[in-house]
Amino acid sequence: YNTPHEAAVFRLGQIVHDSGLKATPIAFTWPSRGDIRDYVTDRESIMTARRRLAQMLETLARSPKVRKIQLFAHSMGAMLTMETMVQLKMTGNAELGGKLDSLVLASPDIDVDVFLSQFEIVGKRPRPTVILISRDDRALQVSRKIAGNVVRVGAASPDDPASVAAIKKFGFTVIDLT
């Protein structure tokens, strides 16, 4: 959200460079109006991108040259990713033929209850699911206000009893960047 395509590609390149990642990075973006007043419209537009993300991931997974897929999603992109994971699970291909390796959700802009319902469908993954949280993330604070004061996953407390239960149940690795 609020990141033009060119900036997203640049940021991905910077992440790859800074981390020393030895992989082929692919950026998946969708149209955003990039204005806080259009936040709900932008959020709904990710639903139209869900099928395209699933198609791209399935195409990658079918390639014999691709050994594993590491999926990294940030903010509203985590909602798109989780909705795509639900769709893939419902079609019997949630782990992309065993090629989906780590799933990293950075500051997921997802209602906590929605997230838990998504994982009730996806289930505990055989490989790592990492959630990066920050309780002082300003964008998530704005999102929370827009969403009727509902806590976003990316700003949830890892010590809350419900969070602890979900972490145990689904095997999440939570890294608090607050």
N, C-alpha and C. Protein backbone atom coordinates (compact mmCIF):
# COMPACT_ATOMS: atom_id res chain seq x y z
N TYR A 1 0.83 -1.18 0.00
CA TYR A 1 0.00 0.00 0.00
C TYR A 1 0.88 1.25 0.00
N ASN A 2 0.50 2.21 -0.78
CA ASN A 2 1.16 3.51 -0.83
C ASN A 2 2.63 3.41 -1.26
N THR A 3 2.95 2.37 -1.99
CA THR A 3 4.30 2.23 -2.53
C THR A 3 4.18 2.02 -4.03
N PRO A 4 4.60 3.00 -4.82
CA PRO A 4 4.55 2.82 -6.28
C PRO A 4 5.39 1.61 -6.71
N HIS A 5 5.04 1.06 -7.86
CA HIS A 5 5.72 -0.12 -8.37
C HIS A 5 7.25 0.06 -8.41
N GLU A 6 7.69 1.20 -8.92
CA GLU A 6 9.12 1.45 -9.04
C GLU A 6 9.81 1.43 -7.67
N ALA A 7 9.17 2.01 -6.67
CA ALA A 7 9.74 2.02 -5.32
C ALA A 7 9.77 0.62 -4.73
N ALA A 8 8.75 -0.19 -5.02
CA ALA A 8 8.72 -1.57 -4.52
C ALA A 8 9.86 -2.38 -5.12
N VAL A 9 10.10 -2.21 -6.40
CA VAL A 9 11.20 -2.92 -7.06
C VAL A 9 12.54 -2.47 -6.47
N PHE A 10 12.70 -1.17 -6.27
CA PHE A 10 13.93 -0.65 -5.68
C PHE A 10 14.14 -1.22 -4.28
N ARG A 11 13.08 -1.22 -3.46
CA ARG A 11 13.20 -1.75 -2.09
C ARG A 11 13.55 -3.22 -2.09
N LEU A 12 12.95 -3.98 -3.00
CA LEU A 12 13.28 -5.40 -3.09
C LEU A 12 14.75 -5.58 -3.45
N GLY A 13 15.22 -4.80 -4.40
CA GLY A 13 16.63 -4.85 -4.77
C GLY A 13 17.54 -4.51 -3.60
N GLN A 14 17.13 -3.53 -2.81
CA GLN A 14 17.92 -3.14 -1.64
C GLN A 14 17.94 -4.25 -0.60
N ILE A 15 16.78 -4.91 -0.38
CA ILE A 15 16.71 -6.03 0.58
C ILE A 15 17.62 -7.16 0.12
N VAL A 16 17.58 -7.48 -1.16
CA VAL A 16 18.42 -8.55 -1.69
C VAL A 16 19.89 -8.19 -1.53
N HIS A 17 20.24 -6.97 -1.86
CA HIS A 17 21.64 -6.52 -1.75
C HIS A 17 22.10 -6.54 -0.30
N ASP A 18 21.32 -5.94 0.59
CA ASP A 18 21.72 -5.84 2.00
C ASP A 18 21.80 -7.20 2.68
N SER A 19 20.93 -8.12 2.30
CA SER A 19 20.89 -9.42 2.95
C SER A 19 21.87 -10.42 2.33
N GLY A 20 22.36 -10.11 1.14
CA GLY A 20 23.24 -11.06 0.46
C GLY A 20 22.50 -12.28 -0.05
N LEU A 21 21.20 -12.17 -0.22
CA LEU A 21 20.35 -13.28 -0.67
C LEU A 21 20.84 -13.80 -2.02
N LYS A 22 21.01 -15.08 -2.10
CA LYS A 22 21.42 -15.73 -3.35
C LYS A 22 20.21 -16.40 -3.98
N ALA A 23 19.32 -15.58 -4.50
CA ALA A 23 18.10 -16.08 -5.10
C ALA A 23 17.65 -15.09 -6.18
N THR A 24 16.68 -15.50 -6.95
CA THR A 24 16.10 -14.62 -7.96
C THR A 24 14.89 -13.94 -7.35
N PRO A 25 14.97 -12.64 -7.10
CA PRO A 25 13.84 -11.94 -6.49
C PRO A 25 12.77 -11.62 -7.53
N ILE A 26 11.53 -11.70 -7.10
CA ILE A 26 10.40 -11.33 -7.95
C ILE A 26 9.49 -10.43 -7.12
N ALA A 27 9.17 -9.27 -7.65
CA ALA A 27 8.24 -8.36 -6.96
C ALA A 27 6.85 -8.56 -7.56
N PHE A 28 5.88 -8.70 -6.70
CA PHE A 28 4.48 -8.77 -7.14
C PHE A 28 3.78 -7.56 -6.54
N THR A 29 3.27 -6.69 -7.39
CA THR A 29 2.56 -5.50 -6.91
C THR A 29 1.17 -5.45 -7.54
N TRP A 30 0.34 -4.61 -6.99
CA TRP A 30 -1.00 -4.40 -7.51
C TRP A 30 -1.27 -2.90 -7.46
N PRO A 31 -2.27 -2.42 -8.23
CA PRO A 31 -2.50 -0.98 -8.27
C PRO A 31 -2.97 -0.43 -6.92
N SER A 32 -2.35 0.63 -6.49
CA SER A 32 -2.75 1.33 -5.27
C SER A 32 -2.98 2.78 -5.63
N ARG A 33 -4.00 3.36 -5.05
CA ARG A 33 -4.23 4.78 -5.28
C ARG A 33 -3.26 5.61 -4.45
N GLY A 34 -2.69 5.01 -3.42
CA GLY A 34 -1.63 5.66 -2.66
C GLY A 34 -2.08 6.85 -1.83
N ASP A 35 -3.34 6.87 -1.44
CA ASP A 35 -3.85 7.97 -0.64
C ASP A 35 -4.64 7.37 0.52
N ILE A 36 -4.40 7.85 1.71
CA ILE A 36 -5.05 7.30 2.89
C ILE A 36 -6.57 7.33 2.78
N ARG A 37 -7.11 8.30 2.04
CA ARG A 37 -8.56 8.38 1.85
C ARG A 37 -9.09 7.23 0.99
N ASP A 38 -8.20 6.58 0.26
CA ASP A 38 -8.59 5.45 -0.60
C ASP A 38 -8.13 4.11 -0.02
N TYR A 39 -7.83 4.12 1.26
CA TYR A 39 -7.30 2.92 1.91
C TYR A 39 -8.22 1.70 1.73
N VAL A 40 -9.51 1.90 1.93
CA VAL A 40 -10.45 0.78 1.81
C VAL A 40 -10.50 0.27 0.37
N THR A 41 -10.52 1.19 -0.59
CA THR A 41 -10.50 0.79 -2.00
C THR A 41 -9.23 0.01 -2.32
N ASP A 42 -8.10 0.49 -1.84
CA ASP A 42 -6.83 -0.22 -2.08
C ASP A 42 -6.87 -1.60 -1.44
N ARG A 43 -7.44 -1.69 -0.25
CA ARG A 43 -7.53 -2.97 0.44
C ARG A 43 -8.39 -3.95 -0.36
N GLU A 44 -9.47 -3.45 -0.91
CA GLU A 44 -10.33 -4.31 -1.72
C GLU A 44 -9.67 -4.71 -3.03
N SER A 45 -8.80 -3.85 -3.56
CA SER A 45 -8.15 -4.17 -4.83
C SER A 45 -7.21 -5.36 -4.71
N ILE A 46 -6.73 -5.63 -3.49
CA ILE A 46 -5.87 -6.81 -3.36
C ILE A 46 -6.64 -8.09 -3.62
N MET A 47 -7.95 -8.05 -3.39
CA MET A 47 -8.75 -9.25 -3.65
C MET A 47 -8.78 -9.58 -5.14
N THR A 48 -8.70 -8.55 -5.98
CA THR A 48 -8.68 -8.83 -7.42
C THR A 48 -7.32 -9.34 -7.86
N ALA A 49 -6.28 -9.10 -7.05
CA ALA A 49 -4.93 -9.55 -7.40
C ALA A 49 -4.66 -10.98 -6.90
N ARG A 50 -5.51 -11.48 -6.03
CA ARG A 50 -5.29 -12.79 -5.40
C ARG A 50 -5.10 -13.91 -6.43
N ARG A 51 -5.96 -13.98 -7.42
CA ARG A 51 -5.86 -15.05 -8.43
C ARG A 51 -4.57 -14.95 -9.23
N ARG A 52 -4.15 -13.72 -9.54
CA ARG A 52 -2.91 -13.53 -10.30
C ARG A 52 -1.69 -13.96 -9.50
N LEU A 53 -1.68 -13.65 -8.19
CA LEU A 53 -0.56 -14.09 -7.35
C LEU A 53 -0.53 -15.61 -7.27
N ALA A 54 -1.68 -16.23 -7.12
CA ALA A 54 -1.74 -17.69 -7.08
C ALA A 54 -1.22 -18.28 -8.39
N GLN A 55 -1.62 -17.71 -9.51
CA GLN A 55 -1.15 -18.20 -10.81
C GLN A 55 0.36 -18.07 -10.95
N MET A 56 0.89 -16.93 -10.51
CA MET A 56 2.34 -16.73 -10.61
C MET A 56 3.08 -17.76 -9.75
N LEU A 57 2.62 -17.96 -8.53
CA LEU A 57 3.28 -18.92 -7.64
C LEU A 57 3.18 -20.34 -8.18
N GLU A 58 2.04 -20.70 -8.71
CA GLU A 58 1.88 -22.05 -9.29
C GLU A 58 2.76 -22.24 -10.51
N THR A 59 2.89 -21.20 -11.33
CA THR A 59 3.77 -21.27 -12.50
C THR A 59 5.21 -21.47 -12.05
N LEU A 60 5.64 -20.72 -11.05
CA LEU A 60 7.00 -20.89 -10.52
C LEU A 60 7.20 -22.30 -9.98
N ALA A 61 6.22 -22.80 -9.25
CA ALA A 61 6.33 -24.12 -8.63
C ALA A 61 6.41 -25.24 -9.67
N ARG A 62 5.81 -25.04 -10.82
CA ARG A 62 5.86 -26.07 -11.88
C ARG A 62 7.21 -26.11 -12.58
N SER A 63 7.98 -25.06 -12.47
CA SER A 63 9.27 -25.01 -13.16
C SER A 63 10.29 -25.93 -12.48
N PRO A 64 10.91 -26.81 -13.25
CA PRO A 64 11.93 -27.69 -12.66
C PRO A 64 13.18 -26.91 -12.21
N LYS A 65 13.37 -25.70 -12.71
CA LYS A 65 14.51 -24.88 -12.31
C LYS A 65 14.32 -24.24 -10.94
N VAL A 66 13.08 -24.17 -10.49
CA VAL A 66 12.79 -23.57 -9.18
C VAL A 66 12.79 -24.69 -8.15
N ARG A 67 13.74 -24.58 -7.20
CA ARG A 67 13.83 -25.61 -6.15
C ARG A 67 12.97 -25.26 -4.95
N LYS A 68 12.94 -23.98 -4.60
CA LYS A 68 12.10 -23.56 -3.48
C LYS A 68 11.69 -22.12 -3.66
N ILE A 69 10.57 -21.80 -3.01
CA ILE A 69 10.02 -20.45 -3.07
C ILE A 69 9.99 -19.91 -1.64
N GLN A 70 10.60 -18.77 -1.47
CA GLN A 70 10.54 -18.07 -0.19
C GLN A 70 9.65 -16.86 -0.41
N LEU A 71 8.59 -16.78 0.35
CA LEU A 71 7.60 -15.75 0.14
C LEU A 71 7.68 -14.71 1.26
N PHE A 72 7.90 -13.46 0.88
CA PHE A 72 8.00 -12.35 1.82
C PHE A 72 6.93 -11.34 1.47
N ALA A 73 6.10 -10.98 2.45
CA ALA A 73 5.03 -10.01 2.20
C ALA A 73 5.04 -8.96 3.29
N HIS A 74 4.74 -7.74 2.92
CA HIS A 74 4.76 -6.63 3.87
C HIS A 74 3.41 -5.93 3.92
N SER A 75 2.97 -5.60 5.12
CA SER A 75 1.80 -4.76 5.38
C SER A 75 0.55 -5.30 4.69
N MET A 76 -0.05 -4.53 3.81
CA MET A 76 -1.26 -4.97 3.13
C MET A 76 -0.97 -6.16 2.20
N GLY A 77 0.26 -6.26 1.75
CA GLY A 77 0.65 -7.41 0.93
C GLY A 77 0.54 -8.72 1.69
N ALA A 78 0.63 -8.65 3.01
CA ALA A 78 0.45 -9.87 3.82
C ALA A 78 -0.99 -10.35 3.74
N MET A 79 -1.93 -9.42 3.66
CA MET A 79 -3.34 -9.81 3.50
C MET A 79 -3.53 -10.50 2.16
N LEU A 80 -2.96 -9.93 1.11
CA LEU A 80 -3.02 -10.55 -0.21
C LEU A 80 -2.39 -11.94 -0.17
N THR A 81 -1.25 -12.05 0.46
CA THR A 81 -0.55 -13.33 0.54
C THR A 81 -1.38 -14.37 1.30
N MET A 82 -1.94 -13.96 2.43
CA MET A 82 -2.74 -14.91 3.21
C MET A 82 -4.01 -15.33 2.47
N GLU A 83 -4.65 -14.40 1.80
CA GLU A 83 -5.83 -14.77 1.02
C GLU A 83 -5.45 -15.74 -0.12
N THR A 84 -4.28 -15.52 -0.69
CA THR A 84 -3.78 -16.42 -1.73
C THR A 84 -3.47 -17.79 -1.14
N MET A 85 -2.88 -17.81 0.06
CA MET A 85 -2.60 -19.09 0.73
C MET A 85 -3.89 -19.87 1.00
N VAL A 86 -4.94 -19.16 1.40
CA VAL A 86 -6.24 -19.81 1.62
C VAL A 86 -6.75 -20.39 0.32
N GLN A 87 -6.67 -19.61 -0.75
CA GLN A 87 -7.13 -20.08 -2.06
C GLN A 87 -6.34 -21.31 -2.50
N LEU A 88 -5.02 -21.26 -2.34
CA LEU A 88 -4.19 -22.41 -2.72
C LEU A 88 -4.53 -23.64 -1.89
N LYS A 89 -4.78 -23.44 -0.61
CA LYS A 89 -5.15 -24.57 0.27
C LYS A 89 -6.45 -25.20 -0.20
N MET A 90 -7.40 -24.36 -0.58
CA MET A 90 -8.70 -24.87 -1.00
C MET A 90 -8.63 -25.61 -2.33
N THR A 91 -7.59 -25.35 -3.10
CA THR A 91 -7.40 -26.08 -4.35
C THR A 91 -6.41 -27.24 -4.18
N GLY A 92 -5.96 -27.45 -2.94
CA GLY A 92 -5.09 -28.59 -2.65
C GLY A 92 -3.62 -28.35 -2.94
N ASN A 93 -3.21 -27.09 -3.05
CA ASN A 93 -1.82 -26.82 -3.42
C ASN A 93 -1.20 -25.75 -2.53
N ALA A 94 -1.52 -25.76 -1.25
CA ALA A 94 -1.06 -24.70 -0.34
C ALA A 94 0.46 -24.63 -0.25
N GLU A 95 1.13 -25.75 -0.35
CA GLU A 95 2.59 -25.75 -0.22
C GLU A 95 3.29 -25.77 -1.58
N LEU A 96 2.51 -25.52 -2.64
CA LEU A 96 3.05 -25.40 -4.00
C LEU A 96 3.91 -26.61 -4.37
N GLY A 97 3.33 -27.77 -4.17
CA GLY A 97 4.03 -29.01 -4.52
C GLY A 97 5.28 -29.23 -3.69
N GLY A 98 5.28 -28.71 -2.48
CA GLY A 98 6.44 -28.86 -1.59
C GLY A 98 7.54 -27.83 -1.82
N LYS A 99 7.32 -26.91 -2.73
CA LYS A 99 8.35 -25.92 -3.02
C LYS A 99 8.26 -24.65 -2.18
N LEU A 100 7.13 -24.44 -1.50
CA LEU A 100 7.01 -23.25 -0.66
C LEU A 100 7.83 -23.48 0.60
N ASP A 101 8.86 -22.69 0.75
CA ASP A 101 9.74 -22.80 1.91
C ASP A 101 9.24 -21.83 2.98
N SER A 102 10.01 -20.87 3.33
CA SER A 102 9.60 -19.95 4.39
C SER A 102 8.57 -18.95 3.89
N LEU A 103 7.70 -18.59 4.82
CA LEU A 103 6.70 -17.55 4.61
C LEU A 103 6.97 -16.49 5.66
N VAL A 104 7.31 -15.28 5.21
CA VAL A 104 7.63 -14.19 6.12
C VAL A 104 6.59 -13.09 5.91
N LEU A 105 5.92 -12.73 7.01
CA LEU A 105 4.92 -11.67 6.97
C LEU A 105 5.43 -10.53 7.84
N ALA A 106 5.80 -9.43 7.20
CA ALA A 106 6.36 -8.28 7.89
C ALA A 106 5.26 -7.24 8.13
N SER A 107 5.05 -6.88 9.37
CA SER A 107 4.01 -5.91 9.76
C SER A 107 2.68 -6.21 9.08
N PRO A 108 2.17 -7.43 9.23
CA PRO A 108 0.94 -7.78 8.52
C PRO A 108 -0.23 -6.88 8.90
N ASP A 109 -0.81 -6.24 7.91
CA ASP A 109 -1.96 -5.37 8.11
C ASP A 109 -3.22 -6.23 7.93
N ILE A 110 -3.45 -7.07 8.93
CA ILE A 110 -4.58 -8.00 8.91
C ILE A 110 -5.21 -7.98 10.29
N ASP A 111 -6.52 -7.94 10.33
CA ASP A 111 -7.28 -8.09 11.57
C ASP A 111 -6.86 -9.42 12.21
N VAL A 112 -6.61 -9.42 13.50
CA VAL A 112 -6.14 -10.62 14.20
C VAL A 112 -7.11 -11.78 14.01
N ASP A 113 -8.41 -11.53 14.14
CA ASP A 113 -9.39 -12.61 13.99
C ASP A 113 -9.43 -13.15 12.56
N VAL A 114 -9.30 -12.26 11.58
CA VAL A 114 -9.26 -12.69 10.18
C VAL A 114 -8.03 -13.57 9.96
N PHE A 115 -6.90 -13.14 10.48
CA PHE A 115 -5.65 -13.89 10.35
C PHE A 115 -5.79 -15.30 10.93
N LEU A 116 -6.36 -15.38 12.11
CA LEU A 116 -6.53 -16.69 12.74
C LEU A 116 -7.49 -17.57 11.94
N SER A 117 -8.53 -16.96 11.37
CA SER A 117 -9.45 -17.76 10.54
C SER A 117 -8.77 -18.22 9.26
N GLN A 118 -7.87 -17.40 8.72
CA GLN A 118 -7.12 -17.81 7.53
C GLN A 118 -6.23 -19.01 7.85
N PHE A 119 -5.56 -18.94 9.01
CA PHE A 119 -4.68 -20.06 9.38
C PHE A 119 -5.46 -21.28 9.82
N GLU A 120 -6.70 -21.13 10.24
CA GLU A 120 -7.53 -22.31 10.51
C GLU A 120 -7.71 -23.11 9.22
N ILE A 121 -7.76 -22.41 8.10
CA ILE A 121 -7.88 -23.08 6.80
C ILE A 121 -6.52 -23.58 6.33
N VAL A 122 -5.52 -22.72 6.35
CA VAL A 122 -4.18 -23.08 5.87
C VAL A 122 -3.56 -24.16 6.74
N GLY A 123 -3.73 -24.04 8.04
CA GLY A 123 -3.18 -25.01 8.98
C GLY A 123 -1.71 -24.75 9.28
N LYS A 124 -1.19 -25.56 10.18
CA LYS A 124 0.22 -25.44 10.55
C LYS A 124 1.07 -25.87 9.36
N ARG A 125 1.98 -25.02 8.98
CA ARG A 125 2.82 -25.29 7.83
C ARG A 125 4.00 -26.18 8.20
N PRO A 126 4.49 -26.99 7.27
CA PRO A 126 5.64 -27.85 7.55
C PRO A 126 6.97 -27.10 7.57
N ARG A 127 6.95 -25.87 7.07
CA ARG A 127 8.16 -25.04 7.03
C ARG A 127 7.90 -23.74 7.78
N PRO A 128 8.93 -22.93 8.01
CA PRO A 128 8.77 -21.75 8.87
C PRO A 128 7.77 -20.70 8.37
N THR A 129 6.99 -20.21 9.32
CA THR A 129 6.16 -19.03 9.11
C THR A 129 6.64 -18.01 10.13
N VAL A 130 7.21 -16.92 9.62
CA VAL A 130 7.79 -15.89 10.47
C VAL A 130 6.91 -14.64 10.39
N ILE A 131 6.62 -14.07 11.56
CA ILE A 131 5.83 -12.85 11.62
C ILE A 131 6.69 -11.78 12.29
N LEU A 132 6.93 -10.70 11.56
CA LEU A 132 7.67 -9.56 12.09
C LEU A 132 6.66 -8.54 12.58
N ILE A 133 6.71 -8.21 13.87
CA ILE A 133 5.74 -7.27 14.44
C ILE A 133 6.45 -6.03 14.97
N SER A 134 5.67 -4.95 15.08
CA SER A 134 6.17 -3.71 15.68
C SER A 134 4.97 -2.96 16.23
N ARG A 135 4.89 -2.88 17.53
CA ARG A 135 3.76 -2.23 18.17
C ARG A 135 3.80 -0.71 18.00
N ASP A 136 4.91 -0.16 17.48
CA ASP A 136 4.96 1.29 17.25
C ASP A 136 4.94 1.65 15.77
N ASP A 137 4.48 0.73 14.94
CA ASP A 137 4.36 0.96 13.49
C ASP A 137 3.22 1.95 13.25
N ARG A 138 3.56 3.13 12.73
CA ARG A 138 2.57 4.19 12.55
C ARG A 138 1.51 3.84 11.52
N ALA A 139 1.90 3.17 10.45
CA ALA A 139 0.92 2.79 9.43
C ALA A 139 -0.11 1.82 10.01
N LEU A 140 0.34 0.90 10.85
CA LEU A 140 -0.60 -0.04 11.47
C LEU A 140 -1.49 0.65 12.49
N GLN A 141 -1.00 1.71 13.11
CA GLN A 141 -1.83 2.48 14.03
C GLN A 141 -2.96 3.17 13.27
N VAL A 142 -2.65 3.72 12.10
CA VAL A 142 -3.67 4.34 11.26
C VAL A 142 -4.66 3.29 10.78
N SER A 143 -4.15 2.17 10.34
CA SER A 143 -5.01 1.08 9.87
C SER A 143 -5.96 0.63 10.97
N ARG A 144 -5.44 0.54 12.17
CA ARG A 144 -6.27 0.13 13.31
C ARG A 144 -7.44 1.10 13.50
N LYS A 145 -7.17 2.39 13.40
CA LYS A 145 -8.23 3.39 13.55
C LYS A 145 -9.28 3.25 12.45
N ILE A 146 -8.81 3.08 11.21
CA ILE A 146 -9.72 2.93 10.08
C ILE A 146 -10.57 1.67 10.24
N ALA A 147 -10.00 0.64 10.84
CA ALA A 147 -10.67 -0.66 10.99
C ALA A 147 -11.50 -0.76 12.26
N GLY A 148 -11.85 0.36 12.86
CA GLY A 148 -12.70 0.33 14.04
C GLY A 148 -11.98 -0.06 15.31
N ASN A 149 -10.70 0.31 15.40
CA ASN A 149 -9.86 0.07 16.57
C ASN A 149 -9.58 -1.42 16.81
N VAL A 150 -9.54 -2.19 15.74
CA VAL A 150 -9.22 -3.61 15.83
C VAL A 150 -7.71 -3.78 15.63
N VAL A 151 -7.08 -4.52 16.54
CA VAL A 151 -5.64 -4.73 16.48
C VAL A 151 -5.25 -5.44 15.19
N ARG A 152 -4.16 -4.96 14.60
CA ARG A 152 -3.61 -5.59 13.40
C ARG A 152 -2.56 -6.60 13.85
N VAL A 153 -2.39 -7.68 13.12
CA VAL A 153 -1.42 -8.72 13.48
C VAL A 153 -0.03 -8.13 13.65
N GLY A 154 0.35 -7.24 12.77
CA GLY A 154 1.69 -6.66 12.82
C GLY A 154 1.97 -5.79 14.02
N ALA A 155 0.93 -5.46 14.79
CA ALA A 155 1.11 -4.64 15.99
C ALA A 155 0.61 -5.35 17.24
N ALA A 156 0.33 -6.63 17.12
CA ALA A 156 -0.19 -7.40 18.26
C ALA A 156 0.93 -7.68 19.26
N SER A 157 0.53 -7.88 20.49
CA SER A 157 1.51 -8.23 21.52
C SER A 157 1.78 -9.73 21.48
N PRO A 158 3.04 -10.13 21.38
CA PRO A 158 3.34 -11.56 21.36
C PRO A 158 3.12 -12.21 22.72
N ASP A 159 2.90 -11.40 23.74
CA ASP A 159 2.68 -11.91 25.10
C ASP A 159 1.20 -12.07 25.44
N ASP A 160 0.32 -11.56 24.60
CA ASP A 160 -1.11 -11.70 24.83
C ASP A 160 -1.46 -13.19 24.82
N PRO A 161 -2.30 -13.65 25.75
CA PRO A 161 -2.62 -15.09 25.80
C PRO A 161 -3.14 -15.67 24.48
N ALA A 162 -3.95 -14.90 23.74
CA ALA A 162 -4.44 -15.39 22.45
C ALA A 162 -3.30 -15.53 21.45
N SER A 163 -2.36 -14.58 21.49
CA SER A 163 -1.19 -14.66 20.60
C SER A 163 -0.33 -15.86 20.94
N VAL A 164 -0.11 -16.07 22.23
CA VAL A 164 0.70 -17.22 22.66
C VAL A 164 0.07 -18.53 22.20
N ALA A 165 -1.25 -18.62 22.34
CA ALA A 165 -1.95 -19.83 21.90
C ALA A 165 -1.82 -20.05 20.40
N ALA A 166 -1.96 -18.97 19.61
CA ALA A 166 -1.84 -19.09 18.15
C ALA A 166 -0.42 -19.44 17.74
N ILE A 167 0.56 -18.85 18.43
CA ILE A 167 1.96 -19.14 18.12
C ILE A 167 2.24 -20.63 18.34
N LYS A 168 1.74 -21.16 19.43
CA LYS A 168 1.93 -22.59 19.72
C LYS A 168 1.19 -23.46 18.72
N LYS A 169 -0.06 -23.12 18.47
CA LYS A 169 -0.91 -23.94 17.60
C LYS A 169 -0.37 -24.02 16.17
N PHE A 170 0.07 -22.86 15.64
CA PHE A 170 0.47 -22.82 14.23
C PHE A 170 1.98 -22.81 14.03
N GLY A 171 2.74 -22.79 15.12
CA GLY A 171 4.19 -22.87 15.01
C GLY A 171 4.85 -21.62 14.46
N PHE A 172 4.25 -20.46 14.68
CA PHE A 172 4.83 -19.21 14.19
C PHE A 172 6.12 -18.89 14.92
N THR A 173 7.03 -18.26 14.19
CA THR A 173 8.18 -17.62 14.80
C THR A 173 7.87 -16.13 14.75
N VAL A 174 7.81 -15.49 15.91
CA VAL A 174 7.46 -14.07 15.98
C VAL A 174 8.71 -13.30 16.39
N ILE A 175 9.02 -12.29 15.60
CA ILE A 175 10.15 -11.42 15.89
C ILE A 175 9.60 -10.03 16.14
N ASP A 176 9.82 -9.53 17.36
CA ASP A 176 9.31 -8.22 17.75
C ASP A 176 10.35 -7.16 17.44
N LEU A 177 10.04 -6.26 16.51
CA LEU A 177 10.96 -5.20 16.10
C LEU A 177 10.61 -3.86 16.75
N THR A 178 9.71 -3.88 17.73
CA THR A 178 9.30 -2.63 18.37
C THR A 178 10.48 -1.87 18.89
